[in-house]
Amino acid sequence: MTQVVTLSAPNAQDCVALAEIELCGELMIAAADAREDRLSPDRIDEVLNVGAHSAEQAPTVPRQGRHRG
């Protein structure tokens, strides 16, 4: 006998998680294509479409300080 798993409709947390996974994927693709060891903060902003100029300004995500260590 086969068991069937029923999935509920996606909730807000699911949508946020999927969006985060998509953004991580975009960053991984950009990092794989990069010639340098790390993506610059400007390149990360470009990949994530942060601070894009548009008619309706989207909220921006503040950059983290440079990693020390």
PDB file of N, CA and C in Angstrom:
ATOM      1  N   MET A   1       0.833  -1.159   0.000  1.00  0.00           N
ATOM      2  CA  MET A   1       0.000   0.000   0.000  1.00  0.00           C
ATOM      3  C   MET A   1       0.896   1.247   0.000  1.00  0.00           C
ATOM      4  N   THR A   2       0.506   2.246  -0.782  1.00  0.00           N
ATOM      5  CA  THR A   2       1.300   3.476  -0.916  1.00  0.00           C
ATOM      6  C   THR A   2       0.748   4.569  -0.024  1.00  0.00           C
ATOM      7  N   GLN A   3       1.645   5.253   0.686  1.00  0.00           N
ATOM      8  CA  GLN A   3       1.231   6.382   1.504  1.00  0.00           C
ATOM      9  C   GLN A   3       1.315   7.652   0.671  1.00  0.00           C
ATOM     10  N   VAL A   4       0.353   8.522   0.837  1.00  0.00           N
ATOM     11  CA  VAL A   4       0.328   9.791   0.122  1.00  0.00           C
ATOM     12  C   VAL A   4       0.542  10.906   1.134  1.00  0.00           C
ATOM     13  N   VAL A   5       1.484  11.795   0.839  1.00  0.00           N
ATOM     14  CA  VAL A   5       1.748  12.927   1.703  1.00  0.00           C
ATOM     15  C   VAL A   5       0.989  14.115   1.143  1.00  0.00           C
ATOM     16  N   THR A   6       0.182  14.734   1.973  1.00  0.00           N
ATOM     17  CA  THR A   6      -0.590  15.895   1.558  1.00  0.00           C
ATOM     18  C   THR A   6       0.111  17.152   2.052  1.00  0.00           C
ATOM     19  N   LEU A   7       0.401  18.056   1.131  1.00  0.00           N
ATOM     20  CA  LEU A   7       1.047  19.302   1.486  1.00  0.00           C
ATOM     21  C   LEU A   7      -0.003  20.395   1.615  1.00  0.00           C
ATOM     22  N   SER A   8       0.142  21.207   2.632  1.00  0.00           N
ATOM     23  CA  SER A   8      -0.801  22.306   2.808  1.00  0.00           C
ATOM     24  C   SER A   8      -0.402  23.466   1.900  1.00  0.00           C
ATOM     25  N   ALA A   9      -1.280  24.420   1.783  1.00  0.00           N
ATOM     26  CA  ALA A   9      -0.983  25.608   0.990  1.00  0.00           C
ATOM     27  C   ALA A   9       0.197  26.340   1.611  1.00  0.00           C
ATOM     28  N   PRO A  10       1.044  26.934   0.773  1.00  0.00           N
ATOM     29  CA  PRO A  10       2.209  27.638   1.325  1.00  0.00           C
ATOM     30  C   PRO A  10       1.784  28.832   2.175  1.00  0.00           C
ATOM     31  N   ASN A  11       2.474  29.007   3.287  1.00  0.00           N
ATOM     32  CA  ASN A  11       2.173  30.159   4.139  1.00  0.00           C
ATOM     33  C   ASN A  11       3.249  31.220   3.947  1.00  0.00           C
ATOM     34  N   ALA A  12       3.160  32.303   4.681  1.00  0.00           N
ATOM     35  CA  ALA A  12       4.099  33.410   4.520  1.00  0.00           C
ATOM     36  C   ALA A  12       5.533  32.974   4.794  1.00  0.00           C
ATOM     37  N   GLN A  13       5.728  32.129   5.800  1.00  0.00           N
ATOM     38  CA  GLN A  13       7.080  31.663   6.117  1.00  0.00           C
ATOM     39  C   GLN A  13       7.658  30.851   4.969  1.00  0.00           C
ATOM     40  N   ASP A  14       6.826  30.030   4.329  1.00  0.00           N
ATOM     41  CA  ASP A  14       7.288  29.258   3.181  1.00  0.00           C
ATOM     42  C   ASP A  14       7.727  30.184   2.056  1.00  0.00           C
ATOM     43  N   CYS A  15       6.965  31.227   1.798  1.00  0.00           N
ATOM     44  CA  CYS A  15       7.284  32.166   0.723  1.00  0.00           C
ATOM     45  C   CYS A  15       8.589  32.895   1.012  1.00  0.00           C
ATOM     46  N   VAL A  16       8.795  33.288   2.257  1.00  0.00           N
ATOM     47  CA  VAL A  16      10.032  33.966   2.638  1.00  0.00           C
ATOM     48  C   VAL A  16      11.209  33.004   2.490  1.00  0.00           C
ATOM     49  N   ALA A  17      11.045  31.791   2.943  1.00  0.00           N
ATOM     50  CA  ALA A  17      12.115  30.799   2.841  1.00  0.00           C
ATOM     51  C   ALA A  17      12.465  30.530   1.381  1.00  0.00           C
ATOM     52  N   LEU A  18      11.476  30.406   0.526  1.00  0.00           N
ATOM     53  CA  LEU A  18      11.737  30.172  -0.889  1.00  0.00           C
ATOM     54  C   LEU A  18      12.453  31.357  -1.526  1.00  0.00           C
ATOM     55  N   ALA A  19      12.077  32.567  -1.136  1.00  0.00           N
ATOM     56  CA  ALA A  19      12.749  33.760  -1.659  1.00  0.00           C
ATOM     57  C   ALA A  19      14.208  33.791  -1.215  1.00  0.00           C
ATOM     58  N   GLU A  20      14.472  33.431   0.036  1.00  0.00           N
ATOM     59  CA  GLU A  20      15.843  33.398   0.543  1.00  0.00           C
ATOM     60  C   GLU A  20      16.668  32.338  -0.184  1.00  0.00           C
ATOM     61  N   ILE A  21      16.075  31.196  -0.442  1.00  0.00           N
ATOM     62  CA  ILE A  21      16.771  30.132  -1.167  1.00  0.00           C
ATOM     63  C   ILE A  21      17.110  30.596  -2.579  1.00  0.00           C
ATOM     64  N   GLU A  22      16.188  31.286  -3.217  1.00  0.00           N
ATOM     65  CA  GLU A  22      16.429  31.801  -4.569  1.00  0.00           C
ATOM     66  C   GLU A  22      17.573  32.819  -4.570  1.00  0.00           C
ATOM     67  N   LEU A  23      17.590  33.721  -3.585  1.00  0.00           N
ATOM     68  CA  LEU A  23      18.657  34.710  -3.492  1.00  0.00           C
ATOM     69  C   LEU A  23      20.009  34.044  -3.236  1.00  0.00           C
ATOM     70  N   CYS A  24      20.025  33.020  -2.382  1.00  0.00           N
ATOM     71  CA  CYS A  24      21.273  32.270  -2.130  1.00  0.00           C
ATOM     72  C   CYS A  24      21.763  31.617  -3.418  1.00  0.00           C
ATOM     73  N   GLY A  25      20.850  31.077  -4.178  1.00  0.00           N
ATOM     74  CA  GLY A  25      21.212  30.470  -5.457  1.00  0.00           C
ATOM     75  C   GLY A  25      21.822  31.482  -6.403  1.00  0.00           C
ATOM     76  N   GLU A  26      21.236  32.676  -6.468  1.00  0.00           N
ATOM     77  CA  GLU A  26      21.777  33.735  -7.323  1.00  0.00           C
ATOM     78  C   GLU A  26      23.190  34.114  -6.884  1.00  0.00           C
ATOM     79  N   LEU A  27      23.406  34.197  -5.568  1.00  0.00           N
ATOM     80  CA  LEU A  27      24.741  34.516  -5.068  1.00  0.00           C
ATOM     81  C   LEU A  27      25.741  33.404  -5.381  1.00  0.00           C
ATOM     82  N   MET A  28      25.319  32.153  -5.276  1.00  0.00           N
ATOM     83  CA  MET A  28      26.221  31.042  -5.577  1.00  0.00           C
ATOM     84  C   MET A  28      26.609  31.036  -7.052  1.00  0.00           C
ATOM     85  N   ILE A  29      25.655  31.322  -7.922  1.00  0.00           N
ATOM     86  CA  ILE A  29      25.952  31.392  -9.355  1.00  0.00           C
ATOM     87  C   ILE A  29      26.936  32.512  -9.634  1.00  0.00           C
ATOM     88  N   ALA A  30      26.697  33.680  -9.028  1.00  0.00           N
ATOM     89  CA  ALA A  30      27.606  34.817  -9.228  1.00  0.00           C
ATOM     90  C   ALA A  30      28.993  34.500  -8.695  1.00  0.00           C
ATOM     91  N   ALA A  31      29.071  33.841  -7.546  1.00  0.00           N
ATOM     92  CA  ALA A  31      30.371  33.498  -6.960  1.00  0.00           C
ATOM     93  C   ALA A  31      31.112  32.494  -7.841  1.00  0.00           C
ATOM     94  N   ALA A  32      30.390  31.557  -8.419  1.00  0.00           N
ATOM     95  CA  ALA A  32      31.023  30.562  -9.285  1.00  0.00           C
ATOM     96  C   ALA A  32      31.571  31.209 -10.553  1.00  0.00           C
ATOM     97  N   ASP A  33      30.907  32.257 -11.027  1.00  0.00           N
ATOM     98  CA  ASP A  33      31.335  32.944 -12.244  1.00  0.00           C
ATOM     99  C   ASP A  33      32.408  33.997 -11.985  1.00  0.00           C
ATOM    100  N   ALA A  34      32.639  34.340 -10.728  1.00  0.00           N
ATOM    101  CA  ALA A  34      33.571  35.416 -10.387  1.00  0.00           C
ATOM    102  C   ALA A  34      35.015  34.984 -10.608  1.00  0.00           C
ATOM    103  N   ARG A  35      35.822  35.928 -11.032  1.00  0.00           N
ATOM    104  CA  ARG A  35      37.249  35.645 -11.218  1.00  0.00           C
ATOM    105  C   ARG A  35      38.015  35.770  -9.906  1.00  0.00           C
ATOM    106  N   GLU A  36      37.540  36.650  -9.031  1.00  0.00           N
ATOM    107  CA  GLU A  36      38.211  36.854  -7.750  1.00  0.00           C
ATOM    108  C   GLU A  36      37.718  35.837  -6.725  1.00  0.00           C
ATOM    109  N   ASP A  37      38.404  35.797  -5.568  1.00  0.00           N
ATOM    110  CA  ASP A  37      38.048  34.843  -4.526  1.00  0.00           C
ATOM    111  C   ASP A  37      36.708  35.148  -3.866  1.00  0.00           C
ATOM    112  N   ARG A  38      36.404  36.444  -3.717  1.00  0.00           N
ATOM    113  CA  ARG A  38      35.171  36.856  -3.045  1.00  0.00           C
ATOM    114  C   ARG A  38      34.430  37.867  -3.895  1.00  0.00           C
ATOM    115  N   LEU A  39      33.130  37.897  -3.727  1.00  0.00           N
ATOM    116  CA  LEU A  39      32.335  38.919  -4.396  1.00  0.00           C
ATOM    117  C   LEU A  39      32.476  40.226  -3.621  1.00  0.00           C
ATOM    118  N   SER A  40      32.619  41.312  -4.333  1.00  0.00           N
ATOM    119  CA  SER A  40      32.696  42.607  -3.674  1.00  0.00           C
ATOM    120  C   SER A  40      31.309  42.984  -3.171  1.00  0.00           C
ATOM    121  N   PRO A  41      31.238  43.867  -2.177  1.00  0.00           N
ATOM    122  CA  PRO A  41      29.926  44.320  -1.698  1.00  0.00           C
ATOM    123  C   PRO A  41      29.076  44.925  -2.821  1.00  0.00           C
ATOM    124  N   ASP A  42      29.716  45.633  -3.746  1.00  0.00           N
ATOM    125  CA  ASP A  42      28.965  46.205  -4.867  1.00  0.00           C
ATOM    126  C   ASP A  42      28.396  45.119  -5.771  1.00  0.00           C
ATOM    127  N   ARG A  43      29.165  44.056  -6.006  1.00  0.00           N
ATOM    128  CA  ARG A  43      28.681  42.952  -6.852  1.00  0.00           C
ATOM    129  C   ARG A  43      27.546  42.214  -6.157  1.00  0.00           C
ATOM    130  N   ILE A  44      27.642  42.040  -4.851  1.00  0.00           N
ATOM    131  CA  ILE A  44      26.562  41.393  -4.103  1.00  0.00           C
ATOM    132  C   ILE A  44      25.282  42.211  -4.217  1.00  0.00           C
ATOM    133  N   ASP A  45      25.415  43.536  -4.050  1.00  0.00           N
ATOM    134  CA  ASP A  45      24.243  44.409  -4.195  1.00  0.00           C
ATOM    135  C   ASP A  45      23.641  44.293  -5.591  1.00  0.00           C
ATOM    136  N   GLU A  46      24.517  44.204  -6.592  1.00  0.00           N
ATOM    137  CA  GLU A  46      24.038  44.077  -7.977  1.00  0.00           C
ATOM    138  C   GLU A  46      23.277  42.770  -8.175  1.00  0.00           C
ATOM    139  N   VAL A  47      23.831  41.670  -7.669  1.00  0.00           N
ATOM    140  CA  VAL A  47      23.188  40.355  -7.822  1.00  0.00           C
ATOM    141  C   VAL A  47      21.842  40.323  -7.108  1.00  0.00           C
ATOM    142  N   LEU A  48      21.797  40.908  -5.901  1.00  0.00           N
ATOM    143  CA  LEU A  48      20.565  40.886  -5.116  1.00  0.00           C
ATOM    144  C   LEU A  48      19.611  42.012  -5.492  1.00  0.00           C
ATOM    145  N   ASN A  49      20.044  42.860  -6.434  1.00  0.00           N
ATOM    146  CA  ASN A  49      19.209  43.959  -6.909  1.00  0.00           C
ATOM    147  C   ASN A  49      18.887  44.927  -5.771  1.00  0.00           C
ATOM    148  N   VAL A  50      19.877  45.169  -4.906  1.00  0.00           N
ATOM    149  CA  VAL A  50      19.717  46.079  -3.777  1.00  0.00           C
ATOM    150  C   VAL A  50      20.059  47.483  -4.235  1.00  0.00           C
ATOM    151  N   GLY A  51      19.219  48.433  -3.854  1.00  0.00           N
ATOM    152  CA  GLY A  51      19.483  49.822  -4.195  1.00  0.00           C
ATOM    153  C   GLY A  51      19.264  50.132  -5.661  1.00  0.00           C
ATOM    154  N   ALA A  52      18.497  49.295  -6.350  1.00  0.00           N
ATOM    155  CA  ALA A  52      18.225  49.538  -7.764  1.00  0.00           C
ATOM    156  C   ALA A  52      17.425  50.817  -7.916  1.00  0.00           C
ATOM    157  N   HIS A  53      17.754  51.581  -8.932  1.00  0.00           N
ATOM    158  CA  HIS A  53      17.027  52.819  -9.186  1.00  0.00           C
ATOM    159  C   HIS A  53      15.769  52.487  -9.977  1.00  0.00           C
ATOM    160  N   SER A  54      14.645  52.856  -9.412  1.00  0.00           N
ATOM    161  CA  SER A  54      13.376  52.634 -10.091  1.00  0.00           C
ATOM    162  C   SER A  54      12.433  53.767  -9.726  1.00  0.00           C
ATOM    163  N   ALA A  55      11.288  53.799 -10.398  1.00  0.00           N
ATOM    164  CA  ALA A  55      10.308  54.853 -10.123  1.00  0.00           C
ATOM    165  C   ALA A  55       9.856  54.787  -8.673  1.00  0.00           C
ATOM    166  N   GLU A  56       9.650  53.594  -8.187  1.00  0.00           N
ATOM    167  CA  GLU A  56       9.259  53.391  -6.786  1.00  0.00           C
ATOM    168  C   GLU A  56      10.443  52.766  -6.074  1.00  0.00           C
ATOM    169  N   GLN A  57      11.103  53.536  -5.237  1.00  0.00           N
ATOM    170  CA  GLN A  57      12.323  53.074  -4.581  1.00  0.00           C
ATOM    171  C   GLN A  57      12.022  51.938  -3.612  1.00  0.00           C
ATOM    172  N   ALA A  58      12.680  50.820  -3.812  1.00  0.00           N
ATOM    173  CA  ALA A  58      12.525  49.660  -2.933  1.00  0.00           C
ATOM    174  C   ALA A  58      13.382  49.861  -1.695  1.00  0.00           C
ATOM    175  N   PRO A  59      12.976  49.320  -0.555  1.00  0.00           N
ATOM    176  CA  PRO A  59      13.814  49.427   0.643  1.00  0.00           C
ATOM    177  C   PRO A  59      15.127  48.685   0.416  1.00  0.00           C
ATOM    178  N   THR A  60      16.197  49.203   0.977  1.00  0.00           N
ATOM    179  CA  THR A  60      17.500  48.584   0.797  1.00  0.00           C
ATOM    180  C   THR A  60      17.922  47.849   2.058  1.00  0.00           C
ATOM    181  N   VAL A  61      18.805  46.907   1.884  1.00  0.00           N
ATOM    182  CA  VAL A  61      19.342  46.128   2.988  1.00  0.00           C
ATOM    183  C   VAL A  61      20.708  46.712   3.320  1.00  0.00           C
ATOM    184  N   PRO A  62      20.946  47.100   4.579  1.00  0.00           N
ATOM    185  CA  PRO A  62      22.242  47.678   4.902  1.00  0.00           C
ATOM    186  C   PRO A  62      23.352  46.653   4.737  1.00  0.00           C
ATOM    187  N   ARG A  63      24.491  47.126   4.264  1.00  0.00           N
ATOM    188  CA  ARG A  63      25.640  46.239   4.103  1.00  0.00           C
ATOM    189  C   ARG A  63      26.227  45.919   5.451  1.00  0.00           C
ATOM    190  N   GLN A  64      26.750  44.709   5.550  1.00  0.00           N
ATOM    191  CA  GLN A  64      27.458  44.328   6.767  1.00  0.00           C
ATOM    192  C   GLN A  64      28.876  44.856   6.671  1.00  0.00           C
ATOM    193  N   GLY A  65      29.474  45.104   7.826  1.00  0.00           N
ATOM    194  CA  GLY A  65      30.862  45.555   7.838  1.00  0.00           C
ATOM    195  C   GLY A  65      31.769  44.480   7.283  1.00  0.00           C
ATOM    196  N   ARG A  66      32.939  44.891   6.837  1.00  0.00           N
ATOM    197  CA  ARG A  66      33.885  43.907   6.303  1.00  0.00           C
ATOM    198  C   ARG A  66      34.228  42.879   7.369  1.00  0.00           C
ATOM    199  N   HIS A  67      34.317  41.639   6.949  1.00  0.00           N
ATOM    200  CA  HIS A  67      34.655  40.545   7.852  1.00  0.00           C
ATOM    201  C   HIS A  67      36.130  40.677   8.232  1.00  0.00           C
ATOM    202  N   ARG A  68      36.389  40.644   9.508  1.00  0.00           N
ATOM    203  CA  ARG A  68      37.769  40.712   9.994  1.00  0.00           C
ATOM    204  C   ARG A  68      38.184  39.348  10.506  1.00  0.00           C
ATOM    205  N   GLY A  69      39.332  38.958  10.107  1.00  0.00           N
ATOM    206  CA  GLY A  69      39.792  37.684  10.628  1.00  0.00           C
ATOM    207  C   GLY A  69      40.631  36.915   9.709  1.00  0.00           C
TER     208      GLY A  69
END
